Amino acid sequence: MPRTVDHDERKSMILTAFVEVALAKGLHAVSLRDVASAAGVSLRLVQYYFETKSGLMQAGLSFLEAQSNIRWTARLDGCSDQTSPRAALLTLFEEAMPTDRKSREFHLLWMSYTVLALTSDEISGRAFIDSPNKLKGRISEIVKQGIGTGDFRSELDAEAEAAILIGLLHGLGTAVLIGQQSGETALSHLSHYLDRLAQMGDSPGKRSSPRN
């Protein structure tokens, strides 16, 4: 019997190769031929699935977004029912910080895509709105849970706090990526902010002065 072709597997393999080429050469220098060579497939096959470089670039952005969502969803799903809302948020922040090779690669490409989307019509900017909004919604749910359990102050606006935390994540993540702060220091700052959301007297303890 002829072998059944798994098109999703093929596309994932090509997109993984695309990420490798983009990291090595930069987004601007990616070519369909280079990606085909890295994936070990024909140029025609890459063109079959993505047609043009623009199509491949847009698919690559969606691929990055999906992989990121999978990682942070898995980290949150790994939390037990006994995990406090504060601990769940710190777990999410740890996943979001560019402190290992994979997370640094994601942040580098994501930033490159952001610049490209702002300067070219070839890349849709929706991912840079939809993806943070999805994460903000999840953070808002956790903050609401913390308000309900008494871990966070009752007068807090969960939506507003989620927006602030997303801003902190983006800013501190960039600081870690460029080496202005260490991952440990950035997480200490985020932990300090979560202390401020807690009920008076419920803070896990005084914050030690972080060092870069």
Protein backbone atom coordinates (compact mmCIF):
# COMPACT_ATOMS: atom_id res chain seq x y z
CA MET A 1 0.00 0.00 0.00
CA PRO A 2 1.23 3.52 -0.75
CA ARG A 3 2.42 5.43 2.29
CA THR A 4 -0.08 8.00 3.59
CA VAL A 5 1.39 11.48 3.54
CA ASP A 6 1.08 13.43 6.78
CA HIS A 7 0.86 16.98 5.47
CA ASP A 8 0.86 18.57 8.93
CA GLU A 9 4.04 16.69 9.81
CA ARG A 10 5.68 17.83 6.58
CA LYS A 11 4.71 21.45 7.13
CA SER A 12 5.94 21.32 10.72
CA MET A 13 9.27 19.90 9.53
CA ILE A 14 9.64 22.68 6.96
CA LEU A 15 8.70 25.37 9.47
CA THR A 16 11.19 23.99 11.99
CA ALA A 17 13.85 24.29 9.28
CA PHE A 18 12.64 27.82 8.53
CA VAL A 19 13.19 28.80 12.18
CA GLU A 20 16.72 27.36 12.06
CA VAL A 21 17.57 29.31 8.91
CA ALA A 22 16.01 32.52 10.24
CA LEU A 23 18.03 32.27 13.44
CA ALA A 24 21.24 31.63 11.53
CA LYS A 25 20.83 34.24 8.78
CA GLY A 26 18.13 36.63 9.96
CA LEU A 27 14.56 36.89 8.68
CA HIS A 28 15.52 39.24 5.84
CA ALA A 29 17.94 36.68 4.38
CA VAL A 30 15.67 33.62 4.46
CA SER A 31 15.05 32.01 1.07
CA LEU A 32 12.78 29.14 0.07
CA ARG A 33 15.81 27.30 -1.30
CA ASP A 34 17.72 27.58 1.98
CA VAL A 35 14.72 26.30 3.93
CA ALA A 36 14.23 23.40 1.52
CA SER A 37 17.89 22.45 1.92
CA ALA A 38 17.72 22.66 5.72
CA ALA A 39 14.56 20.54 5.77
CA GLY A 40 15.98 17.99 3.34
CA VAL A 41 13.11 18.41 0.89
CA SER A 42 12.74 19.80 -2.60
CA LEU A 43 12.17 23.47 -3.34
CA ARG A 44 9.01 22.42 -5.16
CA LEU A 45 7.60 20.89 -1.95
CA VAL A 46 8.19 24.10 0.01
CA GLN A 47 6.46 26.03 -2.78
CA TYR A 48 3.60 23.53 -2.77
CA TYR A 49 2.82 24.19 0.89
CA PHE A 50 3.67 27.89 1.21
CA GLU A 51 3.80 29.19 -2.40
CA THR A 52 5.96 32.26 -1.75
CA LYS A 53 8.48 33.60 0.73
CA SER A 54 5.76 35.83 2.17
CA GLY A 55 3.53 32.79 2.68
CA LEU A 56 6.35 30.93 4.41
CA MET A 57 7.16 33.93 6.61
CA GLN A 58 3.54 34.32 7.70
CA ALA A 59 3.26 30.59 8.41
CA GLY A 60 6.51 30.80 10.38
CA LEU A 61 5.05 33.51 12.59
CA SER A 62 1.93 31.42 13.25
CA PHE A 63 4.19 28.45 14.02
CA LEU A 64 6.16 30.46 16.57
CA GLU A 65 2.97 31.71 18.20
CA ALA A 66 1.51 28.19 18.42
CA GLN A 67 4.71 26.79 19.95
CA SER A 68 4.75 29.56 22.55
CA ASN A 69 1.11 28.94 23.46
CA ILE A 70 1.80 25.22 23.83
CA ARG A 71 4.70 25.88 26.21
CA TRP A 72 2.97 28.27 28.58
CA THR A 73 -0.27 26.29 28.52
CA ALA A 74 1.67 23.14 29.43
CA ARG A 75 3.37 24.94 32.33
CA LEU A 76 0.06 26.16 33.70
CA ASP A 77 -1.62 22.79 33.20
CA GLY A 78 1.22 21.26 35.19
CA CYS A 79 0.23 23.26 38.25
CA SER A 80 -1.73 21.26 40.81
CA ASP A 81 -5.05 22.29 42.33
CA GLN A 82 -3.09 23.26 45.44
CA THR A 83 -0.90 25.73 43.55
CA SER A 84 -1.65 29.27 44.70
CA PRO A 85 -2.57 31.92 42.11
CA ARG A 86 0.65 33.76 42.95
CA ALA A 87 2.73 30.63 42.36
CA ALA A 88 0.86 29.94 39.11
CA LEU A 89 1.68 33.44 37.85
CA LEU A 90 5.35 33.03 38.77
CA THR A 91 5.39 29.71 36.91
CA LEU A 92 4.02 31.47 33.85
CA PHE A 93 6.56 34.29 34.17
CA GLU A 94 9.42 31.79 34.43
CA GLU A 95 8.28 30.24 31.16
CA ALA A 96 8.01 33.64 29.48
CA MET A 97 11.51 34.86 30.40
CA PRO A 98 14.23 34.32 27.76
CA THR A 99 16.56 32.43 30.08
CA ASP A 100 17.35 29.34 27.99
CA ARG A 101 18.22 28.70 24.35
CA LYS A 102 14.71 27.99 23.10
CA SER A 103 13.09 30.93 24.85
CA ARG A 104 15.87 33.29 23.71
CA GLU A 105 15.45 32.10 20.13
CA PHE A 106 11.71 32.70 20.34
CA HIS A 107 12.18 36.23 21.67
CA LEU A 108 14.79 37.08 19.03
CA LEU A 109 12.58 35.94 16.16
CA TRP A 110 9.45 37.48 17.67
CA MET A 111 11.19 40.86 17.91
CA SER A 112 12.47 40.52 14.34
CA TYR A 113 8.95 39.75 13.16
CA THR A 114 7.61 42.75 15.08
CA VAL A 115 9.96 45.13 13.27
CA LEU A 116 9.14 43.49 9.94
CA ALA A 117 5.39 43.80 10.53
CA LEU A 118 5.81 47.50 11.28
CA THR A 119 7.84 48.16 8.14
CA SER A 120 6.34 45.77 5.58
CA ASP A 121 2.87 44.89 4.35
CA GLU A 122 3.95 41.28 3.78
CA ILE A 123 3.46 40.33 7.44
CA SER A 124 0.15 40.73 9.25
CA GLY A 125 0.47 42.35 12.66
CA ARG A 126 -2.54 40.53 14.13
CA ALA A 127 -0.36 38.00 15.95
CA PHE A 128 1.25 40.80 17.96
CA ILE A 129 -2.20 41.77 19.23
CA ASP A 130 -3.98 38.43 19.46
CA SER A 131 -1.19 36.47 21.18
CA PRO A 132 -0.59 38.96 24.03
CA ASN A 133 -4.35 39.38 24.44
CA LYS A 134 -4.72 35.62 24.83
CA LEU A 135 -2.01 35.56 27.47
CA LYS A 136 -3.50 38.63 29.18
CA GLY A 137 -6.84 36.82 29.38
CA ARG A 138 -5.21 33.85 31.08
CA ILE A 139 -3.39 36.10 33.54
CA SER A 140 -6.64 37.95 34.27
CA GLU A 141 -8.33 34.63 35.08
CA ILE A 142 -5.59 33.77 37.57
CA VAL A 143 -5.76 37.21 39.20
CA LYS A 144 -9.55 36.85 39.53
CA GLN A 145 -9.00 33.45 41.11
CA GLY A 146 -6.57 35.02 43.56
CA ILE A 147 -9.09 37.71 44.46
CA GLY A 148 -11.71 35.02 45.02
CA THR A 149 -9.45 32.96 47.28
CA GLY A 150 -8.27 35.99 49.23
CA ASP A 151 -4.68 35.74 48.00
CA PHE A 152 -5.01 39.11 46.25
CA ARG A 153 -6.76 42.26 47.43
CA SER A 154 -10.50 42.37 46.79
CA GLU A 155 -10.50 45.87 45.29
CA LEU A 156 -8.13 44.95 42.44
CA ASP A 157 -9.21 45.27 38.81
CA ALA A 158 -8.10 41.93 37.35
CA GLU A 159 -8.14 43.19 33.74
CA ALA A 160 -6.02 46.21 34.59
CA GLU A 161 -3.54 44.15 36.61
CA ALA A 162 -3.24 41.64 33.77
CA ALA A 163 -2.45 44.45 31.32
CA ILE A 164 0.21 45.81 33.69
CA LEU A 165 1.75 42.35 34.15
CA ILE A 166 1.90 41.81 30.38
CA GLY A 167 3.72 45.13 30.07
CA LEU A 168 6.16 44.12 32.80
CA LEU A 169 6.75 40.76 31.12
CA HIS A 170 7.53 42.36 27.76
CA GLY A 171 9.79 45.03 29.20
CA LEU A 172 11.68 42.77 31.57
CA GLY A 173 11.90 40.04 28.93
CA THR A 174 13.64 42.47 26.57
CA ALA A 175 15.96 43.60 29.40
CA VAL A 176 16.96 39.97 29.99
CA LEU A 177 17.40 39.29 26.28
CA ILE A 178 19.85 42.17 25.77
CA GLY A 179 21.68 41.46 29.03
CA GLN A 180 20.60 44.56 30.93
CA GLN A 181 19.16 42.33 33.66
CA SER A 182 19.52 38.70 34.63
CA GLY A 183 16.56 36.34 34.54
CA GLU A 184 16.77 35.99 38.31
CA THR A 185 16.61 39.76 38.79
CA ALA A 186 13.67 40.14 36.41
CA LEU A 187 11.72 37.41 38.17
CA SER A 188 12.50 39.08 41.50
CA HIS A 189 10.94 42.30 40.21
CA LEU A 190 7.84 40.42 39.06
CA SER A 191 7.63 38.64 42.40
CA HIS A 192 7.84 41.99 44.16
CA TYR A 193 4.92 43.31 42.09
CA LEU A 194 2.85 40.24 42.99
CA ASP A 195 3.60 40.95 46.66
CA ARG A 196 1.90 44.32 46.16
CA LEU A 197 -1.25 42.58 44.92
CA ALA A 198 -1.50 40.44 48.04
CA GLN A 199 -3.71 41.11 51.02
CA MET A 200 -2.02 43.33 53.59
CA GLY A 201 0.23 41.18 55.73
CA ASP A 202 0.04 38.22 53.32
CA SER A 203 3.25 38.96 51.42
CA PRO A 204 5.58 35.91 51.38
CA GLY A 205 8.29 38.08 52.88
CA LYS A 206 10.42 41.10 52.35
CA ARG A 207 12.09 41.30 49.01
CA SER A 208 15.84 41.09 48.97
CA SER A 209 17.68 43.56 46.78
CA PRO A 210 18.28 41.86 43.41
CA ARG A 211 21.60 42.05 41.67
CA ASN A 212 22.06 42.11 37.88
